[in-house]
Amino acid sequence: MNVINTNIAAIRATNASTSASAMLGTAMERLSTGKRINSAKD
């Protein structure tokens, strides 16, 4: 029988950190340009 050990808490923390970093990047881009629309996806 194979046993796979995973650290679910670490995976969730990594996902949360990645998401927070992406949102921070967007916020910094908006602050640095002073504009509401900085890219086509806005």
Protein backbone atom coordinates (compact mmCIF):
# COMPACT_ATOMS: atom_id res chain seq x y z
CA MET A 1 0.00 0.00 0.00
CA ASN A 2 1.38 3.39 -0.99
CA VAL A 3 1.15 6.30 1.38
CA ILE A 4 1.38 9.86 0.10
CA ASN A 5 2.15 12.43 2.75
CA THR A 6 1.01 15.94 1.96
CA ASN A 7 1.01 19.02 4.08
CA ILE A 8 -2.37 20.55 3.27
CA ALA A 9 -1.72 23.58 5.46
CA ALA A 10 1.49 24.34 3.57
CA ILE A 11 -0.26 24.00 0.21
CA ARG A 12 -3.01 26.38 1.31
CA ALA A 13 -0.47 28.86 2.66
CA THR A 14 1.44 28.76 -0.62
CA ASN A 15 -1.74 29.37 -2.61
CA ALA A 16 -2.73 32.27 -0.35
CA SER A 17 0.74 33.79 -0.65
CA THR A 18 0.67 33.51 -4.44
CA SER A 19 -2.74 35.15 -4.59
CA ALA A 20 -1.70 37.95 -2.24
CA SER A 21 1.44 38.59 -4.28
CA ALA A 22 -0.59 38.88 -7.48
CA MET A 23 -3.04 41.33 -5.90
CA LEU A 24 -0.16 43.35 -4.44
CA GLY A 25 1.43 43.58 -7.86
CA THR A 26 -1.79 44.92 -9.35
CA ALA A 27 -2.18 47.45 -6.54
CA MET A 28 1.42 48.64 -6.90
CA GLU A 29 0.97 49.04 -10.65
CA ARG A 30 -2.10 51.19 -10.10
CA LEU A 31 -0.40 53.28 -7.44
CA SER A 32 2.74 53.81 -9.50
CA THR A 33 0.90 55.04 -12.58
CA GLY A 34 -1.87 56.94 -10.83
CA LYS A 35 -4.37 55.54 -13.32
CA ARG A 36 -7.35 53.28 -12.85
CA ILE A 37 -6.88 51.51 -16.18
CA ASN A 38 -3.35 50.20 -16.73
CA SER A 39 -3.99 47.24 -18.98
CA ALA A 40 -6.60 45.81 -21.32
CA LYS A 41 -7.97 43.49 -18.64
CA ASP A 42 -8.92 46.38 -16.31
